[in-house]
N, C-alpha and C. Protein backbone atom coordinates (compact mmCIF):
# COMPACT_ATOMS: atom_id res chain seq x y z
N MET A 1 104.38 10.73 101.10
CA MET A 1 105.15 11.64 101.92
C MET A 1 104.28 12.45 102.80
N ALA A 2 104.46 12.70 103.94
CA ALA A 2 103.57 13.43 104.88
C ALA A 2 103.60 14.86 104.57
N ALA A 3 102.76 15.44 104.81
CA ALA A 3 102.47 16.81 104.71
C ALA A 3 103.60 17.63 105.64
N GLY A 4 104.39 18.71 105.01
CA GLY A 4 105.35 19.50 105.76
C GLY A 4 106.72 18.77 105.75
N ARG A 5 106.76 17.61 105.19
CA ARG A 5 108.09 16.93 105.06
C ARG A 5 108.76 17.37 103.83
N LEU A 6 110.04 17.45 103.81
CA LEU A 6 110.58 17.87 102.37
C LEU A 6 111.63 16.63 102.14
N PRO A 7 111.60 16.28 100.77
CA PRO A 7 112.64 15.27 100.57
C PRO A 7 114.06 15.68 100.61
N PRO A 8 114.77 14.80 100.99
CA PRO A 8 116.36 15.02 101.26
C PRO A 8 116.92 15.97 100.10
N GLY A 9 117.58 17.02 100.49
CA GLY A 9 117.97 17.88 99.40
C GLY A 9 117.29 19.16 98.98
N ALA A 10 115.99 18.95 99.10
CA ALA A 10 115.16 20.04 98.85
C ALA A 10 115.26 21.37 99.62
N LEU A 11 115.08 22.28 98.92
CA LEU A 11 115.31 23.68 99.63
C LEU A 11 114.07 24.13 100.29
N THR A 12 114.34 24.74 101.52
CA THR A 12 113.17 25.51 102.12
C THR A 12 112.56 26.69 101.36
N LEU A 13 111.50 27.02 101.82
CA LEU A 13 110.98 28.25 100.95
C LEU A 13 112.03 29.47 101.12
N LYS A 14 112.48 29.57 102.15
CA LYS A 14 113.47 30.83 102.39
C LYS A 14 114.57 30.61 101.43
N GLN A 15 115.06 29.43 101.66
CA GLN A 15 116.34 29.10 100.70
C GLN A 15 115.95 29.16 99.31
N PHE A 16 114.77 28.91 98.96
CA PHE A 16 114.39 28.85 97.46
C PHE A 16 114.25 30.47 96.98
N LEU A 17 113.92 31.25 97.92
CA LEU A 17 113.58 32.77 97.74
C LEU A 17 114.96 33.18 97.62
N ARG A 18 115.78 32.98 98.44
CA ARG A 18 117.15 33.61 98.60
C ARG A 18 117.94 33.13 97.37
N ARG A 19 117.76 31.97 96.70
CA ARG A 19 118.39 31.39 95.65
C ARG A 19 117.89 32.41 94.28
N GLN A 20 116.72 32.62 94.30
CA GLN A 20 116.07 33.34 93.30
C GLN A 20 116.62 34.88 93.28
N GLN A 21 117.04 35.44 94.52
CA GLN A 21 117.70 36.72 94.44
C GLN A 21 118.97 36.66 94.10
N VAL A 22 119.66 35.63 94.35
CA VAL A 22 121.03 35.42 93.90
C VAL A 22 121.09 35.33 92.17
N LEU A 23 120.21 34.49 91.77
CA LEU A 23 120.09 34.29 90.41
C LEU A 23 119.74 35.71 89.67
N GLN A 24 118.88 36.35 90.11
CA GLN A 24 118.30 37.60 89.68
C GLN A 24 119.52 38.67 89.55
N LEU A 25 120.27 38.65 90.76
CA LEU A 25 121.42 39.57 90.74
C LEU A 25 122.52 39.21 89.64
N TYR A 26 122.88 37.85 89.45
CA TYR A 26 123.67 37.40 88.63
C TYR A 26 123.30 37.75 87.30
N ARG A 27 122.02 37.64 86.92
CA ARG A 27 121.49 38.12 85.56
C ARG A 27 121.52 39.58 85.30
N LYS A 28 121.36 40.33 86.32
CA LYS A 28 121.37 41.86 86.30
C LYS A 28 122.73 42.22 85.92
N ILE A 29 123.69 41.58 86.81
CA ILE A 29 125.09 41.77 86.46
C ILE A 29 125.55 41.68 85.17
N LEU A 30 125.09 40.33 84.52
CA LEU A 30 125.60 39.97 83.20
C LEU A 30 124.94 40.99 82.13
N ARG A 31 123.74 41.35 82.48
CA ARG A 31 122.96 42.35 81.48
C ARG A 31 124.00 43.66 81.50
N ALA A 32 124.30 44.14 82.50
CA ALA A 32 125.02 45.42 82.81
C ALA A 32 126.30 45.19 82.14
N ILE A 33 126.95 44.18 82.17
CA ILE A 33 128.38 43.89 81.65
C ILE A 33 128.27 43.92 80.15
N ARG A 34 127.10 43.48 79.40
CA ARG A 34 126.86 43.56 78.13
C ARG A 34 126.99 45.12 77.60
N GLU A 35 126.79 46.09 78.36
CA GLU A 35 126.85 47.39 77.96
C GLU A 35 128.33 48.06 77.98
N VAL A 36 129.23 47.22 78.61
CA VAL A 36 130.70 47.74 78.49
C VAL A 36 131.10 47.78 77.14
N PRO A 37 131.65 48.94 76.60
CA PRO A 37 132.00 49.03 75.24
C PRO A 37 133.22 48.22 74.79
N ALA A 38 134.22 48.00 75.63
CA ALA A 38 135.42 47.27 75.21
C ALA A 38 135.30 45.82 75.50
N GLU A 39 135.57 44.94 74.39
CA GLU A 39 135.52 43.57 74.52
C GLU A 39 136.37 43.03 75.58
N GLN A 40 137.54 43.46 75.67
CA GLN A 40 138.54 43.00 76.63
C GLN A 40 138.06 43.21 77.99
N ASP A 41 137.36 44.33 78.32
CA ASP A 41 136.82 44.62 79.60
C ASP A 41 135.56 43.89 79.98
N ARG A 42 134.85 43.68 78.84
CA ARG A 42 133.66 42.86 79.15
C ARG A 42 133.87 41.54 79.36
N ARG A 43 134.97 40.77 78.71
CA ARG A 43 135.26 39.49 79.00
C ARG A 43 135.92 39.51 80.54
N TYR A 44 136.59 40.40 81.07
CA TYR A 44 137.18 40.39 82.31
C TYR A 44 136.05 40.49 83.37
N LEU A 45 135.28 41.36 83.08
CA LEU A 45 134.04 41.40 83.98
C LEU A 45 133.13 40.22 84.10
N LYS A 46 133.04 39.59 82.97
CA LYS A 46 132.22 38.31 82.87
C LYS A 46 132.78 37.28 83.67
N ASP A 47 134.24 37.14 83.48
CA ASP A 47 134.81 36.11 84.11
C ASP A 47 134.85 36.45 85.64
N TRP A 48 135.05 37.64 85.99
CA TRP A 48 135.09 38.12 87.42
C TRP A 48 133.79 37.69 88.05
N ALA A 49 132.56 38.12 87.34
CA ALA A 49 131.31 37.77 87.92
C ALA A 49 131.09 36.14 88.21
N ARG A 50 131.52 35.56 87.09
CA ARG A 50 131.39 34.01 87.08
C ARG A 50 132.06 33.36 88.30
N GLU A 51 133.46 33.86 88.42
CA GLU A 51 134.38 33.33 89.45
C GLU A 51 133.82 33.71 90.81
N GLU A 52 133.33 34.97 90.98
CA GLU A 52 132.72 35.29 92.34
C GLU A 52 131.53 34.59 92.78
N PHE A 53 130.74 34.26 91.79
CA PHE A 53 129.48 33.41 92.10
C PHE A 53 129.79 31.97 92.42
N ASN A 54 130.70 31.56 91.51
CA ASN A 54 130.99 30.02 91.64
C ASN A 54 131.71 29.87 92.96
N ARG A 55 132.75 30.83 93.43
CA ARG A 55 133.35 30.89 94.63
C ARG A 55 132.53 30.78 95.85
N ASN A 56 131.22 31.27 95.78
CA ASN A 56 130.45 31.44 96.69
C ASN A 56 129.13 30.56 96.67
N LYS A 57 129.23 29.68 95.85
CA LYS A 57 128.00 28.97 95.51
C LYS A 57 127.63 27.96 96.59
N ASP A 58 128.58 27.58 97.39
CA ASP A 58 128.19 26.56 98.39
C ASP A 58 127.97 27.21 99.76
N ALA A 59 127.90 28.53 99.62
CA ALA A 59 127.61 29.15 101.14
C ALA A 59 126.28 28.94 101.64
N THR A 60 126.08 28.67 102.89
CA THR A 60 124.88 28.22 103.62
C THR A 60 124.49 29.22 104.76
N GLU A 61 125.30 30.11 105.12
CA GLU A 61 125.07 30.96 106.37
C GLU A 61 124.19 32.02 105.90
N GLU A 62 123.03 32.11 106.27
CA GLU A 62 122.04 33.01 105.93
C GLU A 62 122.55 34.56 106.05
N ASP A 63 123.15 34.94 107.06
CA ASP A 63 123.84 36.31 107.16
C ASP A 63 124.87 36.59 106.07
N ALA A 64 125.69 35.58 105.78
CA ALA A 64 126.80 35.77 104.91
C ALA A 64 126.18 35.90 103.48
N ILE A 65 125.04 35.16 103.14
CA ILE A 65 124.47 35.23 101.86
C ILE A 65 123.89 36.61 101.66
N ARG A 66 123.13 37.07 102.64
CA ARG A 66 122.47 38.44 102.55
C ARG A 66 123.51 39.45 102.53
N MET A 67 124.60 39.23 103.11
CA MET A 67 125.79 40.44 102.98
C MET A 67 126.36 40.40 101.58
N MET A 68 126.45 39.06 101.07
CA MET A 68 127.11 38.96 99.62
C MET A 68 126.12 39.64 98.67
N ILE A 69 124.79 39.38 98.75
CA ILE A 69 123.72 40.01 98.01
C ILE A 69 123.80 41.52 97.91
N THR A 70 124.00 42.08 99.23
CA THR A 70 124.07 43.44 99.36
C THR A 70 125.27 43.96 98.81
N GLN A 71 126.36 43.38 98.92
CA GLN A 71 127.59 43.79 98.22
C GLN A 71 127.49 43.60 96.76
N GLY A 72 126.88 42.56 96.10
CA GLY A 72 126.78 42.31 94.78
C GLY A 72 125.71 43.65 94.29
N ASN A 73 124.87 43.81 94.92
CA ASN A 73 123.92 45.01 94.52
C ASN A 73 124.75 46.29 94.40
N MET A 74 125.40 46.45 95.38
CA MET A 74 126.31 47.75 95.65
C MET A 74 127.29 47.76 94.25
N GLN A 75 127.98 46.66 94.02
CA GLN A 75 128.85 46.58 92.86
C GLN A 75 128.19 46.94 91.59
N LEU A 76 126.88 46.33 91.45
CA LEU A 76 126.25 46.44 90.30
C LEU A 76 125.72 47.85 90.12
N GLN A 77 125.34 48.57 91.23
CA GLN A 77 125.02 50.04 91.05
C GLN A 77 126.35 50.94 90.60
N GLU A 78 127.42 50.51 91.04
CA GLU A 78 128.58 51.26 90.75
C GLU A 78 128.96 50.89 89.38
N LEU A 79 128.65 49.72 88.83
CA LEU A 79 129.05 49.55 87.55
C LEU A 79 128.08 50.29 86.58
N GLN A 80 126.75 50.27 86.99
CA GLN A 80 125.84 51.00 86.20
C GLN A 80 126.02 52.53 86.18
N ARG A 81 126.52 52.95 87.37
CA ARG A 81 126.94 54.66 87.43
C ARG A 81 128.11 54.86 86.53
N THR A 82 128.97 54.06 86.43
CA THR A 82 130.23 54.06 85.63
C THR A 82 129.86 54.10 84.16
N LEU A 83 129.06 53.21 83.87
CA LEU A 83 128.51 53.07 82.52
C LEU A 83 127.62 54.31 82.02
N LYS A 84 126.91 54.83 82.94
CA LYS A 84 126.14 55.92 82.54
C LYS A 84 126.98 57.28 82.35
N LEU A 85 128.00 57.34 83.23
CA LEU A 85 129.07 58.46 83.18
C LEU A 85 129.69 58.34 81.80
N ALA A 86 130.08 57.18 81.47
CA ALA A 86 130.84 56.93 80.24
C ALA A 86 130.27 57.24 79.02
N LYS A 87 128.81 56.98 78.95
CA LYS A 87 128.05 57.45 77.83
C LYS A 87 127.80 58.95 77.81
N SER A 88 127.86 59.68 78.79
CA SER A 88 127.50 61.00 78.74
C SER A 88 128.78 61.97 78.47
């Protein structure tokens, strides 16, 4: 294989790094959901997160992916704020 050529289906560096961002966000959301006291709410939020990520797993447009990551981070922050308020 010549230098600079990727095998078919391989991710570019930019795509690989973006994928890592998405996976990191998903893990952070799941960790935050573990802190939810009510089992039924935890299950609902976990299903919601899984559904959202699965629904968007085939997205390829860079701007759309960046926007979804930004929205996901905002939703994570909101969940964390809500949990912090509930504990106090």
